[in-house]
Amino acid sequence: MNAATSNLVISIGAMQVARKIPFEDPQVLTYVRIAYVVVQALVLGVYYFITLKIKQKNDQTVLKYVEAANPMTKEPGKLVVTTNKDYDLGEMSKLMRGVYMGVAMMAFLHGYMKYTQPLFIQSLMGLKGLYDSKLVSIYLQGQPAEGDLKRPFKAAGGFLGAAEPQTDKAAIEEAEKRIGKKEE
């Protein structure tokens, strides 16, 4: 089961469980709030630890790929030349931004709109995000960066299907030729 499908299944299951939780009870609500804060702090702590491990490893292996072209424009994908360290730090930055955006949304939904069920659901989804993270698999679980964990990471499929970054030699050479023509 892919990540998007499992997220949907967990969300729907968590909504059914959340209906049974008496959020009107102030003590239960306090425990759910504490659980949410602890999970978000845990996720950010793990991401910070992985950031330190990425910097400590300092993998300067060159990574070349062609970014997926935007389907809304006719422009071809652009060539990206980076290192594994910089790529991983960029991906970690995206993950941390996602956590911060989730906390901001939860502050609005719970603090302003007074919704309580999303606190419970997002506590579970935060742990699921840690489990699904490719960088957690590489740096904490010690799995080799092969297959699905090979850089550049394949994007999670969306509604229209996510375009994959191209790593084949022909696509990279073609992008280098385009860049060379622009400079001349």
Protein backbone atom coordinates (compact mmCIF):
# COMPACT_ATOMS: atom_id res chain seq x y z
CA MET A 1 0.00 0.00 0.00
CA ASN A 2 1.49 3.37 -0.97
CA ALA A 3 1.86 6.24 1.49
CA ALA A 4 -1.11 8.27 0.20
CA THR A 5 -3.48 5.32 0.48
CA SER A 6 -2.27 4.35 3.94
CA ASN A 7 -2.59 8.00 5.07
CA LEU A 8 -6.19 8.01 3.88
CA VAL A 9 -6.96 4.71 5.62
CA ILE A 10 -5.36 5.90 8.88
CA SER A 11 -7.19 9.24 8.70
CA ILE A 12 -10.57 7.59 8.18
CA GLY A 13 -9.88 5.04 10.92
CA ALA A 14 -8.71 7.78 13.30
CA MET A 15 -11.86 9.81 12.59
CA GLN A 16 -13.99 6.82 13.56
CA VAL A 17 -12.01 6.36 16.79
CA ALA A 18 -12.10 10.11 17.49
CA ARG A 19 -15.90 10.04 17.42
CA LYS A 20 -15.82 7.73 20.44
CA ILE A 21 -13.46 9.95 22.48
CA PRO A 22 -15.28 12.30 24.91
CA PHE A 23 -13.53 15.56 24.01
CA GLU A 24 -16.04 17.46 26.17
CA ASP A 25 -14.22 16.12 29.24
CA PRO A 26 -11.51 18.70 30.06
CA GLN A 27 -9.12 16.01 31.31
CA VAL A 28 -9.40 13.98 28.09
CA LEU A 29 -8.92 17.15 26.04
CA THR A 30 -5.81 18.01 28.05
CA TYR A 31 -4.35 14.54 27.43
CA VAL A 32 -5.03 14.83 23.69
CA ARG A 33 -3.38 18.26 23.60
CA ILE A 34 -0.36 16.90 25.48
CA ALA A 35 -0.16 13.93 23.10
CA TYR A 36 -0.25 16.26 20.09
CA VAL A 37 2.49 18.52 21.47
CA VAL A 38 4.66 15.52 22.44
CA VAL A 39 4.32 13.93 19.00
CA GLN A 40 5.16 17.19 17.19
CA ALA A 41 8.15 17.75 19.49
CA LEU A 42 9.28 14.16 18.89
CA VAL A 43 9.01 14.55 15.11
CA LEU A 44 10.92 17.84 15.14
CA GLY A 45 13.52 16.34 17.48
CA VAL A 46 14.07 13.35 15.20
CA TYR A 47 14.30 15.63 12.15
CA TYR A 48 16.80 17.86 13.95
CA PHE A 49 18.86 14.80 14.94
CA ILE A 50 18.86 13.57 11.32
CA THR A 51 19.96 17.04 10.19
CA LEU A 52 22.93 16.75 12.55
CA LYS A 53 23.71 13.26 11.20
CA ILE A 54 23.57 14.55 7.61
CA LYS A 55 26.00 17.34 8.45
CA GLN A 56 28.24 14.94 10.37
CA LYS A 57 28.35 12.43 7.50
CA ASN A 58 29.12 15.24 5.02
CA ASP A 59 28.50 13.07 1.92
CA GLN A 60 29.95 15.14 -0.94
CA THR A 61 29.01 12.62 -3.66
CA VAL A 62 27.83 14.56 -6.72
CA LEU A 63 24.17 14.05 -7.59
CA LYS A 64 22.95 15.04 -11.05
CA TYR A 65 19.36 14.80 -12.19
CA VAL A 66 16.80 16.60 -14.31
CA GLU A 67 13.88 17.98 -12.32
CA ALA A 68 10.49 16.90 -13.52
CA ALA A 69 8.98 19.38 -15.94
CA ASN A 70 5.96 21.36 -14.80
CA PRO A 71 2.96 19.89 -16.66
CA MET A 72 1.30 23.32 -16.78
CA THR A 73 4.13 24.86 -18.82
CA LYS A 74 5.94 23.66 -21.91
CA GLU A 75 9.33 24.29 -20.36
CA PRO A 76 11.53 21.23 -20.01
CA GLY A 77 12.86 20.21 -16.61
CA LYS A 78 16.01 21.92 -15.41
CA LEU A 79 19.30 20.27 -14.62
CA VAL A 80 20.20 20.04 -10.93
CA VAL A 81 23.77 19.40 -9.83
CA THR A 82 24.18 19.05 -6.08
CA THR A 83 25.69 16.77 -3.46
CA ASN A 84 23.97 14.09 -1.42
CA LYS A 85 24.46 16.23 1.69
CA ASP A 86 22.82 19.30 0.16
CA TYR A 87 20.01 17.22 -1.34
CA ASP A 88 19.29 15.54 1.99
CA LEU A 89 19.36 18.87 3.84
CA GLY A 90 16.91 20.28 1.28
CA GLU A 91 14.59 17.32 1.72
CA MET A 92 14.85 17.62 5.51
CA SER A 93 13.98 21.30 5.24
CA LYS A 94 10.82 20.36 3.29
CA LEU A 95 9.85 17.85 5.97
CA MET A 96 10.36 20.37 8.77
CA ARG A 97 8.38 23.01 6.87
CA GLY A 98 5.56 20.48 6.58
CA VAL A 99 5.54 19.99 10.35
CA TYR A 100 5.52 23.75 10.94
CA MET A 101 2.64 24.22 8.48
CA GLY A 102 0.72 21.43 10.21
CA VAL A 103 1.23 23.07 13.60
CA ALA A 104 0.08 26.42 12.18
CA MET A 105 -3.04 24.80 10.71
CA MET A 106 -3.73 23.04 13.99
CA ALA A 107 -3.30 26.30 15.90
CA PHE A 108 -6.00 27.79 13.65
CA LEU A 109 -8.32 24.77 13.71
CA HIS A 110 -8.05 24.12 17.43
CA GLY A 111 -7.19 27.53 18.83
CA TYR A 112 -9.55 29.65 16.75
CA MET A 113 -12.16 27.25 15.35
CA LYS A 114 -12.25 25.07 18.51
CA TYR A 115 -12.08 21.74 16.60
CA THR A 116 -10.66 18.96 18.75
CA GLN A 117 -10.73 15.82 16.60
CA PRO A 118 -7.89 17.00 14.32
CA LEU A 119 -5.55 17.07 17.34
CA PHE A 120 -5.99 13.33 17.77
CA ILE A 121 -5.75 12.58 14.05
CA GLN A 122 -2.64 14.72 13.53
CA SER A 123 -0.94 13.04 16.47
CA LEU A 124 -1.24 9.74 14.63
CA MET A 125 -0.30 11.26 11.26
CA GLY A 126 2.87 12.79 12.73
CA LEU A 127 4.06 9.33 13.77
CA LYS A 128 3.05 7.96 10.36
CA GLY A 129 5.10 10.70 8.69
CA LEU A 130 8.15 9.64 10.66
CA TYR A 131 7.61 6.03 9.66
CA ASP A 132 7.27 6.94 5.97
CA SER A 133 10.24 9.34 5.83
CA LYS A 134 12.98 8.12 3.52
CA LEU A 135 15.61 10.08 5.42
CA VAL A 136 14.58 8.36 8.66
CA SER A 137 15.04 5.02 6.88
CA ILE A 138 18.51 5.99 5.67
CA TYR A 139 19.92 7.78 8.69
CA LEU A 140 18.16 6.14 11.67
CA GLN A 141 17.32 2.67 10.45
CA GLY A 142 20.60 2.36 8.54
CA GLN A 143 19.04 1.16 5.30
CA PRO A 144 21.18 1.61 2.17
CA ALA A 145 20.16 4.35 -0.28
CA GLU A 146 19.04 1.87 -2.95
CA GLY A 147 15.75 1.18 -4.68
CA ASP A 148 13.02 3.48 -3.31
CA LEU A 149 15.59 5.19 -1.08
CA LYS A 150 17.86 6.11 -3.99
CA ARG A 151 18.40 9.83 -4.47
CA PRO A 152 16.68 11.79 -5.95
CA PHE A 153 13.63 10.44 -4.14
CA LYS A 154 10.58 9.68 -6.19
CA ALA A 155 7.73 12.05 -5.43
CA ALA A 156 4.65 10.63 -3.78
CA GLY A 157 1.91 10.15 -6.35
CA GLY A 158 -0.72 12.85 -6.37
CA PHE A 159 -4.07 12.98 -8.10
CA LEU A 160 -2.53 13.41 -11.54
CA GLY A 161 0.50 11.25 -10.80
CA ALA A 162 3.73 12.91 -9.83
CA ALA A 163 6.38 13.34 -12.49
CA GLU A 164 9.63 11.64 -11.61
CA PRO A 165 13.06 13.28 -11.69
CA GLN A 166 15.13 11.88 -14.54
CA THR A 167 18.48 10.37 -13.65
CA ASP A 168 19.33 8.62 -16.91
CA LYS A 169 22.44 9.73 -18.77
CA ALA A 170 20.57 10.77 -21.93
CA ALA A 171 18.25 13.17 -20.07
CA ILE A 172 21.17 14.72 -18.18
CA GLU A 173 23.22 15.19 -21.37
CA GLU A 174 20.24 16.73 -23.17
CA ALA A 175 19.71 19.19 -20.30
CA GLU A 176 23.44 20.06 -20.31
CA LYS A 177 23.24 20.78 -24.06
CA ARG A 178 20.26 23.09 -23.49
CA ILE A 179 22.14 24.98 -20.81
CA GLY A 180 25.17 25.21 -23.08
CA LYS A 181 23.04 26.66 -25.89
CA LYS A 182 21.58 29.28 -23.56
CA GLU A 183 25.06 30.45 -22.52
CA GLU A 184 26.32 30.84 -26.09
